[in-house]
């Protein structure tokens, strides 16, 4: 197996991937706060880590993948009050929506989806231990804060100075804090807010403590291989996770930190808090989810990608080219009764792997698919049909297995669907040979009503889907 290189946000460089335990990968990705519709930024994050997971599994790794739900938060409380419903009803609604969209985007389910509200006891125990170790302190109001000055390497992930940390982030205001950047581990709940009993009074967890606790409990280890999320989580969320976890265990929290770039709308990051976003529901009304998945993989995961209608149309056209080629392949296999096997074009697949081995570069990897397409058409022009099955197998591996692009069922792969249309197609050919054009055109129109065009090729007429995706 060749080395896989991952850009580690912590070291600011690409590193050879070497999991803690041979051929086993522990991967945690920060999930959504379910209080509103998921948007394209969420989709990019979870598609990126889905491909990373798929590629690691393709390379023989056993991946244990955890993705949480932050199901208690200031925004959730505010929205539930606004709608006059219980916060649990609100969060479950949007968790269900997330799973629906995730399924439509062909994202493989995580091995576990822990919720904050299921981990309250563990979170309280975690905070108590931090207080005992001198890394946290409680106030008379019942709040508990992490003391960043106690953790000497605070800022090592984001590489920010204290002054930079104070700019552009949400800081809890409390005159009892020892330092402005000290962050809440436990927050006192107001009378009309959800709460849990704790040694410090009625309250709820702060934002950052949840993930540290879940990682510790879900993986049953102090150090995991991969922790991921959007670039906006580097500071303060992931910075604070490191501070909490390493203070508690005294060990490295995560070996490889991976962060995907933003999806931008009007040159600004998509964000629910600013209203600068399109919900996935809005987007899916216009585009098939498979197009959106493909579009989001056409750019390297660490670079920003602009939500641009023209670029999405380009992605749609490009994907249709690939799928139409796949259907042409199946037409040839059907027409000539070509036996299928597991042979592949090794050099093409290795070229794709080289790109994915370089920090999961799907942008360059997708370009290899078009090289494969061009090679296929070149070879069949030369009547070289030996290549057909090999090309199909590589398409399946790259498109479906690794990139997660679900290829629509091809009529030539389903004999029960094709029989009636083939009879019509054969009758049309007989009518054309006898120059009975009106009847031939009538059959062509009937086939069109089934959703197919008739394309004349050097190998005979084939049924070509009108709406590929």
Protein backbone atom coordinates (compact mmCIF):
# COMPACT_ATOMS: atom_id res chain seq x y z
CA UNK A 1 0.00 0.00 0.00
CA UNK A 2 1.25 3.48 -0.87
CA UNK A 3 1.38 6.23 1.74
CA UNK A 4 -1.60 8.52 2.26
CA UNK A 5 -0.63 12.11 3.07
CA UNK A 6 -2.96 14.26 5.17
CA UNK A 7 -2.68 18.00 5.75
CA UNK A 8 -2.71 18.33 9.53
CA UNK A 9 -4.10 21.67 10.75
CA UNK A 10 -2.05 21.24 13.93
CA UNK A 11 1.35 20.96 12.22
CA UNK A 12 0.36 23.09 9.19
CA UNK A 13 1.87 20.51 6.83
CA UNK A 14 1.12 17.24 5.07
CA UNK A 15 2.00 14.16 7.08
CA UNK A 16 2.06 10.44 6.30
CA UNK A 17 -1.04 8.85 7.76
CA UNK A 18 -0.12 6.31 10.41
CA UNK A 19 -3.05 5.29 12.62
CA UNK A 20 -2.50 4.54 16.27
CA UNK A 21 -3.64 0.95 15.79
CA UNK A 22 -2.70 -0.80 12.52
CA UNK A 23 -5.55 -0.77 9.99
CA UNK A 24 -8.02 0.72 12.48
CA UNK A 25 -9.07 4.37 12.35
CA UNK A 26 -10.90 6.31 15.01
CA UNK A 27 -12.57 9.34 13.39
CA UNK A 28 -14.77 11.99 14.98
CA UNK A 29 -16.50 14.80 13.09
CA UNK A 30 -18.44 17.62 14.73
CA UNK A 31 -22.12 17.37 13.80
CA UNK A 32 -24.91 19.91 13.42
CA UNK A 33 -26.76 21.97 15.99
CA UNK A 34 -30.30 20.93 15.01
CA UNK A 35 -32.35 24.10 15.25
CA UNK A 36 -32.79 24.98 11.54
CA UNK A 37 -32.53 23.60 8.00
CA UNK A 38 -29.11 22.19 7.03
CA UNK A 39 -27.39 24.22 4.29
CA UNK A 40 -24.77 23.60 1.62
CA UNK A 41 -21.91 24.28 4.05
CA UNK A 42 -23.08 21.37 6.18
CA UNK A 43 -23.41 19.18 3.09
CA UNK A 44 -19.84 19.92 2.04
CA UNK A 45 -18.43 19.00 5.44
CA UNK A 46 -20.18 15.65 5.70
CA UNK A 47 -19.58 14.72 2.05
CA UNK A 48 -15.86 15.50 2.45
CA UNK A 49 -15.53 13.26 5.50
CA UNK A 50 -17.69 10.61 3.88
CA UNK A 51 -15.19 10.42 0.99
CA UNK A 52 -12.25 10.38 3.42
CA UNK A 53 -13.90 7.51 5.26
CA UNK A 54 -14.72 5.67 2.02
CA UNK A 55 -11.15 6.02 0.76
CA UNK A 56 -9.66 4.77 4.01
CA UNK A 57 -12.02 1.78 3.91
CA UNK A 58 -11.11 1.19 0.25
CA UNK A 59 -7.50 0.97 1.42
CA UNK A 60 -8.35 -1.71 3.94
CA UNK A 61 -8.80 0.35 7.09
CA UNK A 62 -11.58 -0.41 9.55
CA UNK A 63 -13.04 3.02 10.32
CA UNK A 64 -15.07 3.72 13.47
CA UNK A 65 -16.80 6.99 12.64
CA UNK A 66 -18.62 9.13 15.21
CA UNK A 67 -20.63 12.29 14.49
CA UNK A 68 -22.45 14.09 17.29
CA UNK A 69 -25.57 16.22 17.58
CA UNK A 70 -25.44 19.36 19.74
CA UNK A 71 -29.03 19.04 20.90
CA UNK A 72 -28.90 21.71 23.64
CA UNK A 73 -27.61 25.19 22.89
CA UNK A 74 -28.57 28.88 23.22
CA UNK A 75 -29.89 28.91 19.64
CA UNK A 76 -32.03 25.83 20.27
CA UNK A 77 -33.51 27.35 23.42
CA UNK A 78 -34.24 30.63 21.63
CA UNK A 79 -35.90 28.90 18.64
CA UNK A 80 -37.99 26.58 20.82
CA UNK A 81 -39.27 29.59 22.80
CA UNK A 82 -40.04 31.42 19.58
CA UNK A 83 -42.08 28.46 18.28
CA UNK A 84 -43.48 27.63 21.71
CA UNK A 85 -42.45 23.98 21.52
CA UNK A 86 -40.26 21.75 23.68
CA UNK A 87 -36.59 21.90 22.71
CA UNK A 88 -36.50 18.10 22.29
CA UNK A 89 -39.31 18.25 19.73
CA UNK A 90 -37.42 20.97 17.85
CA UNK A 91 -34.10 19.14 17.77
CA UNK A 92 -35.64 15.80 16.80
CA UNK A 93 -37.39 17.47 13.86
CA UNK A 94 -34.12 18.80 12.45
CA UNK A 95 -32.19 15.62 13.26
CA UNK A 96 -34.75 13.72 11.16
CA UNK A 97 -34.33 16.26 8.35
CA UNK A 98 -30.56 15.89 8.56
CA UNK A 99 -30.82 12.10 8.17
CA UNK A 100 -33.16 12.51 5.19
CA UNK A 101 -30.77 14.90 3.43
CA UNK A 102 -27.78 12.79 4.34
CA UNK A 103 -29.43 9.76 2.75
CA UNK A 104 -30.30 11.75 -0.40
CA UNK A 105 -26.66 12.85 -0.65
CA UNK A 106 -25.57 9.19 -0.30
CA UNK A 107 -23.58 9.82 2.87
CA UNK A 108 -22.84 6.56 4.69
CA UNK A 109 -24.28 6.50 8.22
CA UNK A 110 -21.81 7.04 11.04
CA UNK A 111 -21.22 4.20 13.47
CA UNK A 112 -22.58 6.37 16.27
CA UNK A 113 -24.53 9.63 16.61
CA UNK A 114 -24.25 10.69 20.27
CA UNK A 115 -26.35 13.56 21.59
CA UNK A 116 -25.23 16.03 24.24
CA UNK A 117 -28.35 15.43 26.35
CA UNK A 118 -27.43 11.73 26.61
CA UNK A 119 -24.02 12.57 28.05
CA UNK A 120 -24.80 15.02 30.84
CA UNK A 121 -23.56 12.74 33.67
CA UNK A 122 -20.27 12.13 31.87
CA UNK A 123 -19.89 15.84 31.13
CA UNK A 124 -20.38 16.73 34.81
CA UNK A 125 -17.77 14.12 35.81
CA UNK A 126 -15.34 15.53 33.22
CA UNK A 127 -15.80 19.07 34.58
CA UNK A 128 -15.34 17.90 38.19
CA UNK A 129 -12.04 16.28 37.24
CA UNK A 130 -10.84 19.48 35.53
CA UNK A 131 -11.65 21.46 38.70
CA UNK A 132 -9.74 18.93 40.84
CA UNK A 133 -6.73 19.25 38.52
CA UNK A 134 -6.83 23.05 38.78
CA UNK A 135 -7.79 23.72 35.15
CA UNK A 136 -11.31 24.95 35.88
CA UNK A 137 -13.13 27.00 38.50
CA UNK A 138 -16.71 27.71 39.50
CA UNK A 139 -18.27 31.08 40.28
CA UNK A 140 -20.84 32.09 42.88
CA UNK A 141 -23.52 32.20 40.14
CA UNK A 142 -23.02 28.52 39.38
CA UNK A 143 -21.01 28.89 36.16
CA UNK A 144 -17.87 26.86 35.59
CA UNK A 145 -15.02 28.13 33.39
CA UNK A 146 -11.87 26.63 31.94
CA UNK A 147 -8.78 28.65 32.84
CA UNK A 148 -6.80 29.03 29.62
CA UNK A 149 -3.75 30.39 31.48
CA UNK A 150 -3.35 26.98 33.13
CA UNK A 151 -2.84 25.30 29.75
CA UNK A 152 0.55 26.44 28.48
CA UNK A 153 0.04 25.40 24.84
CA UNK A 154 -3.35 27.08 24.43
CA UNK A 155 -3.56 28.39 20.85
CA UNK A 156 -1.38 25.72 19.24
CA UNK A 157 -4.06 24.58 16.77
CA UNK A 158 -5.21 27.99 15.55
CA UNK A 159 -1.75 29.53 15.92
CA UNK A 160 -3.35 32.71 17.31
CA UNK A 161 -2.08 35.19 19.85
CA UNK A 162 -4.33 36.20 22.73
CA UNK A 163 -5.13 39.50 21.02
CA UNK A 164 -6.24 37.72 17.85
CA UNK A 165 -8.31 35.30 19.90
CA UNK A 166 -10.26 38.19 21.40
CA UNK A 167 -11.25 39.46 17.95
CA UNK A 168 -14.11 38.00 15.98
CA UNK A 169 -15.31 35.32 18.41
CA UNK A 170 -18.21 35.11 20.79
CA UNK A 171 -16.96 35.70 24.34
CA UNK A 172 -19.14 34.99 27.39
CA UNK A 173 -19.35 38.15 29.51
CA UNK A 174 -18.98 37.49 33.23
CA UNK A 175 -17.09 39.75 35.61
CA UNK A 176 -16.20 36.68 37.71
CA UNK A 177 -14.06 35.23 34.91
CA UNK A 178 -10.33 35.28 35.62
CA UNK A 179 -9.45 35.88 31.96
CA UNK A 180 -11.60 37.17 29.11
CA UNK A 181 -10.88 34.04 27.06
CA UNK A 182 -11.82 31.58 29.79
CA UNK A 183 -14.67 29.59 28.33
CA UNK A 184 -17.77 28.07 29.86
CA UNK A 185 -17.84 24.40 30.77
CA UNK A 186 -21.14 24.70 32.63
CA UNK A 187 -23.72 27.48 32.36
CA UNK A 188 -26.38 28.41 34.87
CA UNK A 189 -29.85 28.04 33.38
CA UNK A 190 -32.46 30.77 33.68
CA UNK A 191 -35.86 29.95 35.20
CA UNK A 192 -37.54 29.34 31.83
CA UNK A 193 -34.70 27.29 30.32
CA UNK A 194 -33.96 23.54 30.27
CA UNK A 195 -31.61 22.45 33.03
CA UNK A 196 -29.88 19.53 34.69
CA UNK A 197 -28.85 19.30 38.34
CA UNK A 198 -25.13 19.55 39.02
CA UNK A 199 -22.74 20.23 41.94
CA UNK A 200 -22.85 23.91 40.85
CA UNK A 201 -26.61 24.22 40.60
CA UNK A 202 -29.18 23.92 37.83
CA UNK A 203 -27.61 24.43 34.43
CA UNK A 204 -26.45 22.95 31.14
CA UNK A 205 -23.13 22.20 29.42
CA UNK A 206 -21.08 24.81 27.58
CA UNK A 207 -20.50 24.24 23.88
CA UNK A 208 -16.99 22.75 23.81
CA UNK A 209 -17.06 20.23 26.66
CA UNK A 210 -19.53 17.97 24.86
CA UNK A 211 -17.15 16.82 22.12
CA UNK A 212 -14.26 16.15 24.48
CA UNK A 213 -16.54 13.99 26.61
CA UNK A 214 -18.07 12.14 23.69
CA UNK A 215 -14.68 11.32 22.17
CA UNK A 216 -13.46 9.92 25.48
CA UNK A 217 -16.57 7.78 26.00
CA UNK A 218 -17.33 6.71 22.42
CA UNK A 219 -13.80 5.60 21.58
CA UNK A 220 -12.79 4.55 25.11
CA UNK A 221 -9.34 6.00 24.58
CA UNK A 222 -7.45 9.23 25.28
CA UNK A 223 -6.15 9.73 21.72
CA UNK A 224 -7.96 9.32 18.40
CA UNK A 225 -6.63 9.33 14.85
CA UNK A 226 -8.74 11.94 13.05
CA UNK A 227 -10.91 14.81 14.23
CA UNK A 228 -12.64 16.93 11.61
CA UNK A 229 -15.08 19.69 10.87
CA UNK A 230 -15.44 22.98 9.05
CA UNK A 231 -12.65 25.56 9.05
CA UNK A 232 -14.73 27.83 11.30
CA UNK A 233 -14.38 25.30 14.14
CA UNK A 234 -10.59 25.60 14.44
CA UNK A 235 -11.06 28.44 16.93
CA UNK A 236 -12.51 28.46 19.43
CA UNK A 237 -14.21 25.05 19.35
CA UNK A 238 -11.39 22.68 18.46
CA UNK A 239 -8.79 24.76 20.26
CA UNK A 240 -10.86 24.42 23.41
CA UNK A 241 -11.40 20.71 22.91
CA UNK A 242 -7.63 20.22 22.89
CA UNK A 243 -7.21 22.29 26.07
CA UNK A 244 -9.90 20.36 27.96
CA UNK A 245 -8.95 16.88 26.81
CA UNK A 246 -5.20 17.15 27.16
CA UNK A 247 -5.54 18.82 30.56
CA UNK A 248 -7.64 15.88 31.74
CA UNK A 249 -5.62 12.99 30.28
CA UNK A 250 -2.13 14.45 29.94
CA UNK A 251 -1.98 12.85 26.49
CA UNK A 252 -2.26 14.01 22.89
CA UNK A 253 -5.95 14.36 22.03
CA UNK A 254 -5.89 13.95 18.22
CA UNK A 255 -3.15 12.91 15.78
CA UNK A 256 -4.61 14.46 12.60
CA UNK A 257 -6.84 17.52 12.52
CA UNK A 258 -8.70 17.90 9.20
CA UNK A 259 -10.77 20.97 8.28
CA UNK A 260 -12.75 21.62 5.12
CA UNK A 261 -13.02 25.05 3.50
CA UNK A 262 -16.13 27.19 3.41
CA UNK A 263 -18.93 27.21 0.88
CA UNK A 264 -19.34 30.86 -0.08
CA UNK A 265 -22.38 32.78 -1.28
CA UNK A 266 -21.81 36.30 -2.58
CA UNK A 267 -18.10 35.82 -1.72
CA UNK A 268 -18.94 35.34 1.97
CA UNK A 269 -19.13 32.18 4.06
CA UNK A 270 -22.55 30.53 4.10
CA UNK A 271 -23.95 30.97 7.59
CA UNK A 272 -27.34 30.56 9.22
CA UNK A 273 -26.55 33.25 11.80
CA UNK A 274 -26.12 35.91 9.08
CA UNK A 275 -28.87 34.60 6.80
CA UNK A 276 -26.34 34.22 3.97
CA UNK A 277 -27.33 30.71 2.92
CA UNK A 278 -29.57 28.47 0.84
CA UNK A 279 -31.14 25.52 2.63
CA UNK A 280 -30.60 22.11 1.08
CA UNK A 281 -34.36 21.84 0.58
CA UNK A 282 -34.26 24.92 -1.67
CA UNK A 283 -31.32 23.52 -3.61
CA UNK A 284 -32.80 20.02 -3.98
CA UNK A 285 -35.93 21.49 -5.56
CA UNK A 286 -33.73 22.65 -8.42
CA UNK A 287 -30.94 20.06 -8.58
CA UNK A 288 -30.68 16.32 -8.04
CA UNK A 289 -28.65 15.68 -4.83
CA UNK A 290 -26.15 13.59 -6.82
CA UNK A 291 -25.26 16.74 -8.81
CA UNK A 292 -24.67 18.68 -5.59
CA UNK A 293 -22.45 15.92 -4.23
CA UNK A 294 -20.41 15.85 -7.44
CA UNK A 295 -20.18 19.67 -7.53
CA UNK A 296 -18.81 19.80 -3.98
CA UNK A 297 -16.11 17.25 -4.86
CA UNK A 298 -14.87 19.19 -7.91
CA UNK A 299 -12.83 21.46 -5.61
CA UNK A 300 -10.11 20.35 -3.18
CA UNK A 301 -11.75 20.05 0.23
CA UNK A 302 -9.49 22.64 1.92
CA UNK A 303 -10.17 25.44 -0.56
CA UNK A 304 -13.33 27.57 -0.49
CA UNK A 305 -15.97 26.80 -3.09
CA UNK A 306 -18.44 29.37 -4.42
CA UNK A 307 -22.12 28.52 -4.75
CA UNK A 308 -22.44 29.47 -8.38
CA UNK A 309 -25.35 28.38 -10.57
CA UNK A 310 -23.14 28.29 -13.66
CA UNK A 311 -20.60 26.03 -11.95
CA UNK A 312 -23.35 23.70 -10.78
CA UNK A 313 -24.67 23.46 -14.36
CA UNK A 314 -21.11 22.68 -15.52
CA UNK A 315 -20.90 19.94 -12.87
CA UNK A 316 -24.26 18.55 -14.00
CA UNK A 317 -23.12 18.42 -17.63
CA UNK A 318 -19.81 16.82 -16.68
CA UNK A 319 -21.47 14.16 -14.54
CA UNK A 320 -24.00 13.41 -17.29
CA UNK A 321 -21.08 12.83 -19.70
CA UNK A 322 -19.59 10.28 -17.31
CA UNK A 323 -22.88 8.49 -16.64
CA UNK A 324 -23.77 8.42 -20.34
CA UNK A 325 -20.39 6.82 -21.02
CA UNK A 326 -21.16 4.24 -18.33
CA UNK A 327 -24.49 3.50 -20.03
CA UNK A 328 -22.79 3.17 -23.42
CA UNK A 329 -20.44 0.63 -21.81
CA UNK A 330 -23.42 -1.38 -20.58
CA UNK A 331 -25.00 -1.19 -24.04
CA UNK A 332 -21.89 -2.80 -25.55
CA UNK A 333 -21.78 -5.48 -22.84
CA UNK A 334 -25.45 -6.28 -23.51
CA UNK A 335 -25.23 -6.19 -27.32
CA UNK A 336 -22.17 -8.42 -27.62
CA UNK A 337 -22.81 -10.59 -24.57
CA UNK A 338 -19.45 -9.62 -23.13
CA UNK A 339 -18.69 -11.62 -20.00
CA UNK A 340 -18.01 -9.48 -16.96
CA UNK A 341 -15.09 -10.08 -14.61
CA UNK A 342 -13.00 -8.16 -12.07
CA UNK A 343 -10.28 -6.95 -14.45
CA UNK A 344 -9.35 -3.25 -14.24
CA UNK A 345 -7.17 -0.69 -15.96
CA UNK A 346 -4.47 -0.66 -13.30
CA UNK A 347 -2.61 2.41 -14.56
CA UNK A 348 -5.75 4.60 -14.57
CA UNK A 349 -6.83 3.45 -11.12
CA UNK A 350 -3.33 4.03 -9.74
CA UNK A 351 -3.34 7.55 -11.17
CA UNK A 352 -6.61 8.24 -9.35
CA UNK A 353 -5.18 6.79 -6.14
CA UNK A 354 -2.11 9.02 -6.41
CA UNK A 355 -4.38 12.06 -6.28
CA UNK A 356 -6.43 10.77 -3.35
CA UNK A 357 -3.23 9.80 -1.53
CA UNK A 358 -2.22 13.46 -1.75
CA UNK A 359 -4.54 14.84 0.92
CA UNK A 360 -7.71 13.38 -0.63
CA UNK A 361 -7.53 15.52 -3.78
CA UNK A 362 -10.87 14.74 -5.40
CA UNK A 363 -10.52 17.72 -7.74
CA UNK A 364 -7.59 16.10 -9.56
CA UNK A 365 -9.06 12.65 -9.03
CA UNK A 366 -12.18 13.56 -10.99
CA UNK A 367 -10.03 14.67 -13.93
CA UNK A 368 -8.77 11.07 -14.15
CA UNK A 369 -12.35 9.95 -14.82
CA UNK A 370 -12.40 12.08 -17.96
CA UNK A 371 -9.10 10.57 -19.07
CA UNK A 372 -10.77 7.20 -18.62
CA UNK A 373 -13.79 8.33 -20.66
CA UNK A 374 -11.58 9.58 -23.51
CA UNK A 375 -9.53 6.39 -23.49
CA UNK A 376 -12.72 4.31 -23.74
CA UNK A 377 -14.01 6.15 -26.82
CA UNK A 378 -10.59 6.02 -28.46
CA UNK A 379 -10.36 2.26 -28.00
CA UNK A 380 -13.87 1.44 -29.23
CA UNK A 381 -13.22 3.54 -32.35
CA UNK A 382 -10.50 0.98 -32.98
CA UNK A 383 -13.10 -1.77 -32.30
CA UNK A 384 -11.13 -2.79 -29.22
CA UNK A 385 -13.89 -4.20 -27.03
CA UNK A 386 -11.49 -5.95 -24.65
CA UNK A 387 -11.31 -2.73 -22.68
CA UNK A 388 -15.06 -2.36 -22.04
CA UNK A 389 -15.41 -4.39 -18.83
CA UNK A 390 -12.14 -3.01 -17.44
CA UNK A 391 -13.43 0.54 -17.91
CA UNK A 392 -16.75 -0.30 -16.27
CA UNK A 393 -15.02 -1.75 -13.23
CA UNK A 394 -12.86 1.36 -12.77
CA UNK A 395 -15.93 3.59 -13.11
CA UNK A 396 -17.64 1.58 -10.37
CA UNK A 397 -14.66 1.78 -8.03
CA UNK A 398 -14.00 5.50 -8.49
CA UNK A 399 -17.50 6.92 -8.92
CA UNK A 400 -19.58 4.72 -6.64
CA UNK A 401 -17.26 3.10 -4.11
CA UNK A 402 -14.92 6.02 -3.36
CA UNK A 403 -16.63 9.25 -4.47
CA UNK A 404 -20.06 7.97 -3.44
CA UNK A 405 -21.73 9.05 -6.69
CA UNK A 406 -24.68 6.71 -7.05
CA UNK A 407 -24.99 5.75 -10.73
CA UNK A 408 -28.64 5.49 -11.87
CA UNK A 409 -29.73 2.03 -12.92
CA UNK A 410 -29.02 1.48 -16.62
CA UNK A 411 -31.75 -0.12 -18.73
CA UNK A 412 -29.18 -2.42 -20.35
CA UNK A 413 -28.48 -3.91 -16.91
CA UNK A 414 -32.15 -4.81 -16.41
CA UNK A 415 -33.46 -7.32 -18.98
CA UNK A 416 -37.04 -7.18 -17.64
CA UNK A 417 -37.26 -3.47 -18.46
CA UNK A 418 -35.53 -3.57 -21.81
CA UNK A 419 -37.42 -6.35 -23.64
CA UNK A 420 -40.42 -4.27 -24.76
CA UNK A 421 -38.28 -1.33 -25.87
CA UNK A 422 -35.86 -3.52 -27.79
CA UNK A 423 -38.75 -5.05 -29.71
CA UNK A 424 -39.91 -1.55 -30.61
CA UNK A 425 -36.36 -0.59 -31.59
CA UNK A 426 -36.00 -3.66 -33.84
CA UNK A 427 -39.38 -2.98 -35.49
CA UNK A 428 -38.30 0.60 -36.15
CA UNK A 429 -35.12 -0.60 -37.83
CA UNK A 430 -37.13 -2.91 -40.11
CA UNK A 431 -39.52 -0.08 -41.00
CA UNK A 432 -36.61 2.23 -41.78
CA UNK A 433 -34.99 -0.34 -44.04
CA UNK A 434 -38.29 -0.60 -45.90
CA UNK A 435 -38.52 3.22 -45.95
CA UNK A 436 -41.80 3.26 -44.03
CA UNK A 437 -40.80 6.50 -42.34
CA UNK A 438 -44.12 7.47 -40.75
CA UNK A 439 -44.40 4.21 -38.81
CA UNK A 440 -40.72 4.35 -37.85
CA UNK A 441 -41.19 7.89 -36.51
CA UNK A 442 -44.23 6.78 -34.54
CA UNK A 443 -42.16 4.12 -32.76
CA UNK A 444 -39.39 6.66 -32.13
CA UNK A 445 -41.98 8.89 -30.43
CA UNK A 446 -43.27 5.96 -28.36
CA UNK A 447 -39.72 5.27 -27.16
CA UNK A 448 -39.30 8.97 -26.41
CA UNK A 449 -42.37 8.78 -24.15
CA UNK A 450 -40.58 6.05 -22.18
CA UNK A 451 -37.78 8.56 -21.53
CA UNK A 452 -35.27 7.52 -24.20
CA UNK A 453 -33.77 8.83 -27.40
CA UNK A 454 -32.49 6.56 -30.14
CA UNK A 455 -28.81 7.18 -30.82
CA UNK A 456 -27.31 5.65 -33.94
CA UNK A 457 -23.78 4.38 -33.29
CA UNK A 458 -21.18 2.35 -35.16
CA UNK A 459 -22.40 -0.57 -33.06
CA UNK A 460 -26.05 -0.12 -33.96
CA UNK A 461 -28.85 1.98 -32.45
CA UNK A 462 -28.88 2.31 -28.67
CA UNK A 463 -31.36 3.65 -26.17
CA UNK A 464 -30.06 6.84 -24.62
CA UNK A 465 -31.72 8.24 -21.52
CA UNK A 466 -33.23 11.73 -22.06
CA UNK A 467 -32.84 12.83 -18.45
CA UNK A 468 -29.70 11.15 -17.21
CA UNK A 469 -29.85 12.83 -13.79
